[in-house]
C-alpha atoms as a PDB file:
ATOM      1  CA  TYR A   1     -49.141-103.481 -42.536  1.00  0.00           C
ATOM      2  CA  LYS A   2     -47.116-101.261 -40.038  1.00  0.00           C
ATOM      3  CA  SER A   3     -46.153 -98.926 -42.956  1.00  0.00           C
ATOM      4  CA  LYS A   4     -49.941 -98.571 -44.179  1.00  0.00           C
ATOM      5  CA  CYS A   5     -50.959 -97.620 -40.770  1.00  0.00           C
ATOM      6  CA  LEU A   6     -48.086 -95.093 -40.588  1.00  0.00           C
ATOM      7  CA  ILE A   7     -49.248 -93.666 -43.866  1.00  0.00           C
ATOM      8  CA  ASN A   8     -52.888 -93.470 -42.795  1.00  0.00           C
ATOM      9  CA  THR A   9     -51.802 -91.681 -39.521  1.00  0.00           C
ATOM     10  CA  LEU A  10     -49.633 -89.266 -41.522  1.00  0.00           C
ATOM     11  CA  ASP A  11     -52.559 -88.724 -43.990  1.00  0.00           C
ATOM     12  CA  ASN A  12     -55.116 -87.760 -40.969  1.00  0.00           C
ATOM     13  CA  PHE A  13     -52.328 -85.647 -39.461  1.00  0.00           C
ATOM     14  CA  ALA A  14     -52.028 -83.534 -42.606  1.00  0.00           C
ATOM     15  CA  LYS A  15     -55.897 -83.050 -42.740  1.00  0.00           C
ATOM     16  CA  PHE A  16     -56.020 -82.026 -39.208  1.00  0.00           C
ATOM     17  CA  THR A  17     -53.140 -79.694 -39.490  1.00  0.00           C
ATOM     18  CA  ASN A  18     -54.841 -77.677 -42.102  1.00  0.00           C
ATOM     19  CA  ASN A  19     -57.925 -77.361 -39.561  1.00  0.00           C
ATOM     20  CA  GLU A  20     -60.143 -79.530 -41.869  1.00  0.00           C
ATOM     21  CA  TYR A  21     -61.130 -83.061 -41.753  1.00  0.00           C
ATOM     22  CA  MET A  22     -63.078 -85.024 -44.262  1.00  0.00           C
ATOM     23  CA  GLY A  23     -64.028 -81.562 -45.875  1.00  0.00           C
ATOM     24  CA  ASN A  24     -65.491 -80.016 -42.727  1.00  0.00           C
ATOM     25  CA  THR A  25     -64.124 -77.351 -40.812  1.00  0.00           C
ATOM     26  CA  LEU A  26     -63.279 -78.634 -37.238  1.00  0.00           C
ATOM     27  CA  ARG A  27     -66.143 -77.579 -35.375  1.00  0.00           C
ATOM     28  CA  ILE A  28     -66.570 -80.289 -32.707  1.00  0.00           C
ATOM     29  CA  LEU A  29     -64.109 -83.136 -32.081  1.00  0.00           C
ATOM     30  CA  ASP A  30     -63.992 -86.411 -30.384  1.00  0.00           C
ATOM     31  CA  PHE A  31     -61.115 -86.693 -27.595  1.00  0.00           C
ATOM     32  CA  SER A  32     -59.487 -89.375 -30.036  1.00  0.00           C
ATOM     33  CA  LYS A  33     -58.960 -86.719 -32.787  1.00  0.00           C
ATOM     34  CA  LEU A  34     -57.304 -83.880 -30.599  1.00  0.00           C
ATOM     35  CA  ARG A  35     -53.840 -84.960 -30.721  1.00  0.00           C
ATOM     36  CA  PHE A  36     -53.824 -84.219 -34.478  1.00  0.00           C
ATOM     37  CA  VAL A  37     -55.286 -80.755 -33.822  1.00  0.00           C
ATOM     38  CA  ASP A  38     -53.408 -77.358 -33.385  1.00  0.00           C
ATOM     39  CA  SER A  39     -53.575 -76.506 -29.685  1.00  0.00           C
ATOM     40  CA  ASP A  40     -54.405 -72.811 -30.682  1.00  0.00           C
ATOM     41  CA  LEU A  41     -57.845 -74.251 -32.065  1.00  0.00           C
ATOM     42  CA  ILE A  42     -58.714 -76.263 -28.977  1.00  0.00           C
ATOM     43  CA  SER A  43     -56.631 -75.225 -26.109  1.00  0.00           C
ATOM     44  CA  LYS A  44     -53.659 -76.802 -24.363  1.00  0.00           C
ATOM     45  CA  LYS A  45     -56.118 -78.311 -21.875  1.00  0.00           C
ATOM     46  CA  ALA A  46     -57.950 -80.180 -24.520  1.00  0.00           C
ATOM     47  CA  LYS A  47     -54.848 -81.118 -26.280  1.00  0.00           C
ATOM     48  CA  VAL A  48     -53.749 -82.956 -23.077  1.00  0.00           C
ATOM     49  CA  LEU A  49     -56.895 -84.699 -22.964  1.00  0.00           C
ATOM     50  CA  GLY A  50     -56.254 -85.829 -26.516  1.00  0.00           C
ATOM     51  CA  GLU A  51     -52.887 -86.847 -25.533  1.00  0.00           C
ATOM     52  CA  LEU A  52     -54.179 -89.037 -22.631  1.00  0.00           C
ATOM     53  CA  LYS A  53     -56.884 -90.678 -24.833  1.00  0.00           C
ATOM     54  CA  SER A  54     -54.129 -91.665 -27.422  1.00  0.00           C
ATOM     55  CA  LEU A  55     -52.023 -93.216 -24.578  1.00  0.00           C
ATOM     56  CA  LYS A  56     -55.108 -95.298 -23.529  1.00  0.00           C
ATOM     57  CA  ILE A  57     -55.139 -93.564 -20.178  1.00  0.00           C
ATOM     58  CA  PRO A  58     -58.671 -93.952 -18.860  1.00  0.00           C
ATOM     59  CA  ILE A  59     -60.599 -90.464 -18.858  1.00  0.00           C
ATOM     60  CA  PRO A  60     -64.255 -89.674 -19.394  1.00  0.00           C
ATOM     61  CA  ASP A  61     -65.628 -89.926 -22.938  1.00  0.00           C
ATOM     62  CA  GLY A  62     -66.144 -86.498 -24.275  1.00  0.00           C
ATOM     63  CA  PHE A  63     -65.587 -83.951 -27.068  1.00  0.00           C
ATOM     64  CA  VAL A  64     -64.439 -80.500 -27.624  1.00  0.00           C
ATOM     65  CA  ILE A  65     -66.435 -77.736 -29.226  1.00  0.00           C
ATOM     66  CA  THR A  66     -63.769 -75.559 -30.998  1.00  0.00           C
ATOM     67  CA  ASN A  67     -63.900 -71.954 -31.787  1.00  0.00           C
ATOM     68  CA  HIS A  68     -64.832 -72.454 -35.301  1.00  0.00           C
ATOM     69  CA  PHE A  69     -68.065 -73.540 -33.890  1.00  0.00           C
ATOM     70  CA  PHE A  70     -68.657 -70.244 -31.990  1.00  0.00           C
ATOM     71  CA  GLU A  71     -67.314 -68.281 -34.828  1.00  0.00           C
ATOM     72  CA  GLU A  72     -69.573 -69.702 -37.270  1.00  0.00           C
ATOM     73  CA  PHE A  73     -72.437 -69.255 -35.110  1.00  0.00           C
ATOM     74  CA  LEU A  74     -71.798 -65.571 -34.254  1.00  0.00           C
ATOM     75  CA  SER A  75     -71.075 -64.941 -38.058  1.00  0.00           C
ATOM     76  CA  GLN A  76     -74.228 -66.665 -39.383  1.00  0.00           C
ATOM     77  CA  THR A  77     -76.575 -64.831 -36.899  1.00  0.00           C
ATOM     78  CA  GLY A  78     -74.942 -61.478 -37.684  1.00  0.00           C
ATOM     79  CA  ILE A  79     -73.870 -61.229 -34.006  1.00  0.00           C
ATOM     80  CA  ALA A  80     -70.243 -60.816 -34.882  1.00  0.00           C
ATOM     81  CA  GLU A  81     -70.768 -57.848 -37.065  1.00  0.00           C
ATOM     82  CA  GLY A  82     -72.733 -56.341 -34.387  1.00  0.00           C
ATOM     83  CA  ILE A  83     -69.941 -56.844 -31.724  1.00  0.00           C
ATOM     84  CA  LYS A  84     -67.248 -55.602 -34.237  1.00  0.00           C
ATOM     85  CA  ARG A  85     -69.293 -52.406 -35.030  1.00  0.00           C
ATOM     86  CA  ILE A  86     -69.694 -51.627 -31.281  1.00  0.00           C
ATOM     87  CA  ARG A  87     -66.019 -52.440 -30.264  1.00  0.00           C
ATOM     88  CA  ASN A  88     -64.664 -50.373 -33.431  1.00  0.00           C
ATOM     89  CA  SER A  89     -67.027 -47.396 -32.547  1.00  0.00           C
ATOM     90  CA  THR A  90     -66.308 -47.104 -29.124  1.00  0.00           C
ATOM     91  CA  HIS A  91     -63.711 -44.264 -27.980  1.00  0.00           C
ATOM     92  CA  PRO A  92     -60.842 -45.355 -25.966  1.00  0.00           C
ATOM     93  CA  ALA A  93     -62.201 -42.832 -23.287  1.00  0.00           C
ATOM     94  CA  LEU A  94     -65.491 -44.957 -22.890  1.00  0.00           C
ATOM     95  CA  SER A  95     -63.978 -48.290 -22.558  1.00  0.00           C
ATOM     96  CA  GLU A  96     -65.223 -48.711 -19.268  1.00  0.00           C
ATOM     97  CA  SER A  97     -68.793 -48.569 -20.609  1.00  0.00           C
ATOM     98  CA  LEU A  98     -68.028 -51.324 -23.222  1.00  0.00           C
ATOM     99  CA  PRO A  99     -69.723 -54.063 -21.142  1.00  0.00           C
ATOM    100  CA  LYS A 100     -73.020 -52.032 -21.067  1.00  0.00           C
ATOM    101  CA  LEU A 101     -72.876 -51.482 -24.870  1.00  0.00           C
ATOM    102  CA  LEU A 102     -72.298 -55.147 -25.485  1.00  0.00           C
ATOM    103  CA  GLU A 103     -75.473 -56.329 -23.696  1.00  0.00           C
ATOM    104  CA  PRO A 104     -77.673 -56.190 -26.572  1.00  0.00           C
ATOM    105  CA  MET A 105     -75.325 -58.570 -28.189  1.00  0.00           C
ATOM    106  CA  GLN A 106     -75.176 -60.788 -25.302  1.00  0.00           C
ATOM    107  CA  ARG A 107     -79.253 -60.883 -25.342  1.00  0.00           C
ATOM    108  CA  LYS A 108     -79.030 -61.590 -29.002  1.00  0.00           C
ATOM    109  CA  ILE A 109     -77.036 -64.738 -28.393  1.00  0.00           C
ATOM    110  CA  MET A 110     -79.419 -66.185 -25.945  1.00  0.00           C
ATOM    111  CA  GLN A 111     -82.289 -65.392 -28.267  1.00  0.00           C
ATOM    112  CA  SER A 112     -80.772 -66.604 -31.415  1.00  0.00           C
ATOM    113  CA  ASN A 113     -81.268 -70.200 -32.728  1.00  0.00           C
ATOM    114  CA  ILE A 114     -78.091 -72.121 -33.271  1.00  0.00           C
ATOM    115  CA  PRO A 115     -77.796 -72.828 -37.185  1.00  0.00           C
ATOM    116  CA  ASN A 116     -79.457 -76.246 -37.955  1.00  0.00           C
ATOM    117  CA  HIS A 117     -76.381 -77.809 -39.077  1.00  0.00           C
ATOM    118  CA  LEU A 118     -74.590 -76.738 -36.026  1.00  0.00           C
ATOM    119  CA  THR A 119     -77.353 -78.005 -33.818  1.00  0.00           C
ATOM    120  CA  LEU A 120     -77.520 -81.370 -35.619  1.00  0.00           C
ATOM    121  CA  GLU A 121     -73.684 -81.787 -35.297  1.00  0.00           C
ATOM    122  CA  LEU A 122     -73.761 -80.962 -31.506  1.00  0.00           C
ATOM    123  CA  HIS A 123     -76.562 -83.260 -31.039  1.00  0.00           C
ATOM    124  CA  ASN A 124     -75.020 -86.167 -32.863  1.00  0.00           C
ATOM    125  CA  PHE A 125     -72.009 -85.862 -30.508  1.00  0.00           C
ATOM    126  CA  TYR A 126     -74.236 -85.591 -27.417  1.00  0.00           C
ATOM    127  CA  ARG A 127     -76.064 -88.857 -28.288  1.00  0.00           C
ATOM    128  CA  LYS A 128     -73.041 -90.704 -28.895  1.00  0.00           C
ATOM    129  CA  LEU A 129     -72.109 -89.943 -25.595  1.00  0.00           C
ATOM    130  CA  SER A 130     -75.583 -90.590 -24.023  1.00  0.00           C
ATOM    131  CA  GLY A 131     -76.727 -93.571 -25.901  1.00  0.00           C
ATOM    132  CA  LEU A 132     -80.102 -93.506 -27.985  1.00  0.00           C
ATOM    133  CA  LEU A 133     -82.781 -93.191 -25.005  1.00  0.00           C
ATOM    134  CA  ARG A 134     -80.600 -91.594 -22.485  1.00  0.00           C
ATOM    135  CA  GLU A 135     -79.491 -88.230 -21.272  1.00  0.00           C
ATOM    136  CA  ALA A 136     -75.952 -88.215 -20.264  1.00  0.00           C
ATOM    137  CA  SER A 137     -74.906 -85.966 -17.164  1.00  0.00           C
ATOM    138  CA  LEU A 138     -72.068 -83.785 -18.724  1.00  0.00           C
ATOM    139  CA  ASN A 139     -69.317 -81.623 -17.074  1.00  0.00           C
ATOM    140  CA  ILE A 140     -68.421 -78.606 -19.320  1.00  0.00           C
ATOM    141  CA  TYR A 141     -65.468 -76.663 -18.970  1.00  0.00           C
ATOM    142  CA  SER A 142     -64.343 -73.499 -21.105  1.00  0.00           C
ATOM    143  CA  SER A 143     -60.774 -73.044 -22.046  1.00  0.00           C
ATOM    144  CA  ALA A 144     -59.359 -69.710 -23.227  1.00  0.00           C
ATOM    145  CA  LYS A 145     -56.024 -67.864 -23.267  1.00  0.00           C
ATOM    146  CA  ASN A 146     -55.794 -65.350 -20.629  1.00  0.00           C
ATOM    147  CA  SER A 147     -58.991 -65.504 -19.204  1.00  0.00           C
ATOM    148  CA  ASN A 148     -61.023 -67.029 -16.221  1.00  0.00           C
ATOM    149  CA  HIS A 149     -62.303 -70.345 -16.833  1.00  0.00           C
ATOM    150  CA  ILE A 150     -65.994 -71.475 -16.321  1.00  0.00           C
ATOM    151  CA  ALA A 151     -67.452 -74.773 -15.328  1.00  0.00           C
ATOM    152  CA  PHE A 152     -70.947 -76.185 -15.450  1.00  0.00           C
ATOM    153  CA  TYR A 153     -71.578 -79.644 -13.611  1.00  0.00           C
ATOM    154  CA  ASN A 154     -74.239 -82.172 -14.067  1.00  0.00           C
ATOM    155  CA  VAL A 155     -75.875 -80.890 -17.145  1.00  0.00           C
ATOM    156  CA  ARG A 156     -78.354 -82.958 -18.827  1.00  0.00           C
ATOM    157  CA  GLY A 157     -80.242 -82.702 -21.905  1.00  0.00           C
ATOM    158  CA  ASP A 158     -79.618 -81.395 -25.448  1.00  0.00           C
ATOM    159  CA  ALA A 159     -81.418 -77.996 -24.440  1.00  0.00           C
ATOM    160  CA  ASN A 160     -79.320 -77.631 -21.221  1.00  0.00           C
ATOM    161  CA  LEU A 161     -76.320 -78.322 -23.303  1.00  0.00           C
ATOM    162  CA  ILE A 162     -77.177 -75.581 -25.569  1.00  0.00           C
ATOM    163  CA  LEU A 163     -78.121 -73.042 -22.906  1.00  0.00           C
ATOM    164  CA  LYS A 164     -74.737 -73.573 -21.227  1.00  0.00           C
ATOM    165  CA  ILE A 165     -72.885 -73.131 -24.421  1.00  0.00           C
ATOM    166  CA  LYS A 166     -74.791 -69.828 -24.925  1.00  0.00           C
ATOM    167  CA  SER A 167     -73.862 -68.763 -21.536  1.00  0.00           C
ATOM    168  CA  LEU A 168     -70.302 -69.443 -22.448  1.00  0.00           C
ATOM    169  CA  MET A 169     -70.585 -67.235 -25.798  1.00  0.00           C
ATOM    170  CA  ILE A 170     -72.067 -64.516 -23.550  1.00  0.00           C
ATOM    171  CA  HIS A 171     -69.001 -64.459 -21.240  1.00  0.00           C
ATOM    172  CA  TYR A 172     -66.546 -64.898 -24.171  1.00  0.00           C
ATOM    173  CA  LEU A 173     -68.309 -62.861 -27.057  1.00  0.00           C
ATOM    174  CA  ASP A 174     -65.649 -62.685 -29.669  1.00  0.00           C
ATOM    175  CA  GLN A 175     -62.709 -64.043 -27.865  1.00  0.00           C
ATOM    176  CA  PRO A 176     -61.388 -67.334 -28.953  1.00  0.00           C
ATOM    177  CA  PHE A 177     -62.266 -70.128 -26.685  1.00  0.00           C
ATOM    178  CA  CYS A 178     -63.307 -73.755 -26.690  1.00  0.00           C
ATOM    179  CA  ALA A 179     -65.603 -75.927 -24.784  1.00  0.00           C
ATOM    180  CA  VAL A 180     -64.621 -79.313 -23.324  1.00  0.00           C
ATOM    181  CA  ILE A 181     -67.580 -81.690 -22.671  1.00  0.00           C
ATOM    182  CA  LEU A 182     -67.002 -84.546 -20.383  1.00  0.00           C
ATOM    183  CA  LYS A 183     -69.264 -87.405 -19.563  1.00  0.00           C
ATOM    184  CA  GLU A 184     -69.861 -87.444 -15.924  1.00  0.00           C
ATOM    185  CA  VAL A 185     -68.436 -90.418 -14.404  1.00  0.00           C
ATOM    186  CA  LEU A 186     -70.043 -92.082 -11.243  1.00  0.00           C
ATOM    187  CA  SER A 187     -67.773 -93.845  -8.784  1.00  0.00           C
ATOM    188  CA  LYS A 188     -68.976 -97.457  -7.908  1.00  0.00           C
ATOM    189  CA  ASN A 189     -69.560 -96.318  -4.306  1.00  0.00           C
ATOM    190  CA  ASN A 190     -71.403 -93.305  -5.239  1.00  0.00           C
ATOM    191  CA  LYS A 191     -74.477 -94.212  -7.693  1.00  0.00           C
ATOM    192  CA  THR A 192     -76.353 -90.876  -7.509  1.00  0.00           C
END
């Protein structure tokens, strides 16, 4: 029995190290899957959450939206190409004006629909956290190398989750980052 479990674990590890699992690119991952994933894909902070979960240390339930999710959104909406074109056409002397030049791309992120398959995947993970007829209160943390981190607290509902995710995309644009989504846990003394 132990050898069979070890083989299954090694099998899963091999799939995750190729940044693929069950034929899908790793876009959104439950905390229980994070220990198998390269920390470049999910950030060191998210990796630590996965390790804590695997050690059965109590942490809030949640998931991580990887950089693959954001790259796919930007690519399928054509925004990635627009950002690349602006970055490549900007003369180094105009680098201070780059944020202003990127504003149309930021507006396009807010106005664009997230592709259906990504929305469905995000919705499924959100529903696992909240239950069928409830809206879980979430805390959302960004995690990126060499950058400030952003946090949103007490986010409720799919629409607000998507709005906050788009806000993160506006901030990071084409910089690699991930979003850590944690279910808010109320203490026994504080039921609000």
